[in-house]
Amino acid sequence: MIAVTPIKKYKLVIFDWDGTVMDSVTKIVNCIRSSAESLNLLPPSDEAIKNIIGMSLEKANDVLFPDNVAQHQALISGYKYQYSVDTTPTPVFDNVVSVLAALKEQGIVLAVATGKGRGGLDRLLDQSQLRHFFSATRIRAC
């Protein structure tokens, strides 16, 4: 187990999910690129996609595809489909479990705030077996 310095001055720690708890960057990049390509759109650069991680899909499309507003819903549907079939691994980062356990042991309340939807976050909390660490979760505002 990793040693975590006591942080008694905090009662609550809120984590983002993608890129903080779980290494999902490659999968997100792949799925956005595939969704764009399926609509014959030029995919954004990997760097541009990485810069929108944490945003809702609606906001991400505003940033990545500002000239294709009419296709935003199709991009969102395509992304969700690609995410469901893409087999790119999304592992929890090294030491996340140890850090979460140490913080919880100190009596710190842990929460997740994310741009993900409820279904996606719930699925990942269960798959990663991390749900029990978090007292609260908040998803994107629609």
Protein backbone atom coordinates (compact mmCIF):
# COMPACT_ATOMS: atom_id res chain seq x y z
CA MET A 1 0.00 0.00 0.00
CA ILE A 2 1.21 3.51 -0.80
CA ALA A 3 1.83 5.89 2.09
CA VAL A 4 -0.47 8.90 2.03
CA THR A 5 0.41 11.90 4.14
CA PRO A 6 -2.45 12.75 6.50
CA ILE A 7 -4.45 15.70 5.20
CA LYS A 8 -6.61 16.50 8.21
CA LYS A 9 -7.46 19.97 6.94
CA TYR A 10 -9.73 18.45 4.25
CA LYS A 11 -13.05 16.82 5.01
CA LEU A 12 -13.98 16.15 1.39
CA VAL A 13 -11.96 15.27 -1.73
CA ILE A 14 -13.69 15.32 -5.11
CA PHE A 15 -12.16 13.43 -8.03
CA ASP A 16 -12.77 13.76 -11.74
CA TRP A 17 -13.01 10.33 -13.38
CA ASP A 18 -11.44 10.30 -16.85
CA GLY A 19 -7.72 10.92 -16.70
CA THR A 20 -7.71 11.14 -12.90
CA VAL A 21 -9.05 7.85 -11.56
CA MET A 22 -9.17 5.87 -14.80
CA ASP A 23 -6.82 5.96 -17.78
CA SER A 24 -9.53 6.28 -20.41
CA VAL A 25 -7.83 8.86 -22.64
CA THR A 26 -6.89 6.48 -25.48
CA LYS A 27 -10.37 4.98 -25.60
CA ILE A 28 -12.04 8.41 -25.65
CA VAL A 29 -9.74 9.59 -28.45
CA ASN A 30 -10.41 6.43 -30.48
CA CYS A 31 -14.17 6.70 -30.05
CA ILE A 32 -14.42 10.38 -30.98
CA ARG A 33 -12.25 9.81 -34.04
CA SER A 34 -14.33 6.78 -35.10
CA SER A 35 -17.59 8.64 -34.58
CA ALA A 36 -16.40 11.52 -36.79
CA GLU A 37 -15.10 9.17 -39.48
CA SER A 38 -18.42 7.28 -39.53
CA LEU A 39 -20.08 10.58 -40.52
CA ASN A 40 -17.38 11.38 -43.09
CA LEU A 41 -16.10 14.25 -40.95
CA LEU A 42 -12.44 15.07 -40.54
CA PRO A 43 -11.53 13.84 -37.05
CA PRO A 44 -9.96 16.37 -34.70
CA SER A 45 -6.35 15.90 -33.65
CA ASP A 46 -5.62 13.65 -30.70
CA GLU A 47 -4.45 16.72 -28.78
CA ALA A 48 -7.71 18.60 -29.44
CA ILE A 49 -9.68 15.58 -28.23
CA LYS A 50 -7.56 15.26 -25.10
CA ASN A 51 -8.31 18.90 -24.30
CA ILE A 52 -12.08 18.28 -24.09
CA ILE A 53 -11.91 15.27 -21.77
CA GLY A 54 -14.03 16.02 -18.75
CA MET A 55 -16.63 18.00 -20.70
CA SER A 56 -20.08 16.71 -21.53
CA LEU A 57 -20.41 15.28 -25.04
CA GLU A 58 -22.59 18.24 -25.97
CA LYS A 59 -19.92 20.77 -24.94
CA ALA A 60 -17.15 18.65 -26.48
CA ASN A 61 -18.95 18.72 -29.83
CA ASP A 62 -19.32 22.51 -29.61
CA VAL A 63 -15.53 22.72 -29.24
CA LEU A 64 -14.46 19.98 -31.65
CA PHE A 65 -17.10 20.34 -34.37
CA PRO A 66 -18.32 23.96 -34.27
CA ASP A 67 -19.15 23.94 -37.99
CA ASN A 68 -21.18 20.72 -37.82
CA VAL A 69 -23.93 21.61 -35.34
CA ALA A 70 -26.52 19.72 -37.39
CA GLN A 71 -24.55 16.50 -36.82
CA HIS A 72 -23.95 16.89 -33.08
CA GLN A 73 -26.65 14.40 -32.08
CA ALA A 74 -25.33 11.86 -34.59
CA LEU A 75 -21.81 12.41 -33.21
CA ILE A 76 -23.05 11.78 -29.68
CA SER A 77 -24.91 8.63 -30.71
CA GLY A 78 -21.89 7.47 -32.69
CA TYR A 79 -19.56 8.10 -29.76
CA LYS A 80 -21.78 6.14 -27.37
CA TYR A 81 -21.95 3.26 -29.82
CA GLN A 82 -18.18 3.29 -30.40
CA TYR A 83 -17.56 3.41 -26.65
CA SER A 84 -19.75 0.34 -26.15
CA VAL A 85 -17.90 -1.73 -28.79
CA ASP A 86 -14.34 -0.38 -28.49
CA THR A 87 -12.05 -2.82 -26.70
CA THR A 88 -9.33 -0.35 -25.70
CA PRO A 89 -8.49 -1.07 -22.04
CA THR A 90 -9.39 1.59 -19.47
CA PRO A 91 -7.42 0.63 -16.38
CA VAL A 92 -7.52 2.40 -13.06
CA PHE A 93 -4.28 4.34 -12.63
CA ASP A 94 -1.56 2.78 -10.49
CA ASN A 95 -1.98 3.45 -6.76
CA VAL A 96 -5.54 4.80 -7.08
CA VAL A 97 -6.97 2.06 -4.88
CA SER A 98 -4.27 2.60 -2.24
CA VAL A 99 -4.77 6.36 -2.22
CA LEU A 100 -8.56 6.09 -2.02
CA ALA A 101 -8.29 3.54 0.80
CA ALA A 102 -5.84 5.71 2.74
CA LEU A 103 -7.99 8.82 2.36
CA LYS A 104 -11.13 6.98 3.42
CA GLU A 105 -9.24 5.51 6.38
CA GLN A 106 -8.47 9.09 7.47
CA GLY A 107 -12.20 9.80 7.56
CA ILE A 108 -12.18 11.95 4.44
CA VAL A 109 -15.39 11.87 2.42
CA LEU A 110 -14.70 11.00 -1.23
CA ALA A 111 -16.80 11.98 -4.22
CA VAL A 112 -16.68 11.95 -8.02
CA ALA A 113 -17.72 14.83 -10.29
CA THR A 114 -17.58 14.06 -14.00
CA GLY A 115 -18.77 15.06 -17.43
CA LYS A 116 -19.90 11.46 -17.97
CA GLY A 117 -23.53 10.44 -18.00
CA ARG A 118 -25.06 8.51 -15.10
CA GLY A 119 -25.10 5.15 -16.90
CA GLY A 120 -21.46 5.42 -17.96
CA LEU A 121 -20.20 6.42 -14.53
CA ASP A 122 -22.25 3.76 -12.74
CA ARG A 123 -20.98 1.08 -15.12
CA LEU A 124 -17.34 2.11 -14.54
CA LEU A 125 -17.75 2.38 -10.76
CA ASP A 126 -18.98 -1.21 -10.77
CA GLN A 127 -16.44 -2.55 -13.29
CA SER A 128 -13.54 -0.97 -11.40
CA GLN A 129 -14.94 -2.07 -8.03
CA LEU A 130 -14.39 1.43 -6.65
CA ARG A 131 -17.99 2.37 -5.86
CA HIS A 132 -17.61 1.66 -2.14
CA PHE A 133 -14.99 4.39 -1.77
CA PHE A 134 -17.30 7.21 -2.88
CA SER A 135 -20.05 8.75 -0.77
CA ALA A 136 -21.41 10.86 -3.62
CA THR A 137 -21.22 11.15 -7.39
CA ARG A 138 -22.29 13.99 -9.65
CA ILE A 139 -22.61 13.83 -13.40
CA ARG A 140 -22.81 16.49 -16.07
CA ALA A 141 -25.70 18.92 -16.01
CA CYS A 142 -27.90 18.41 -19.06
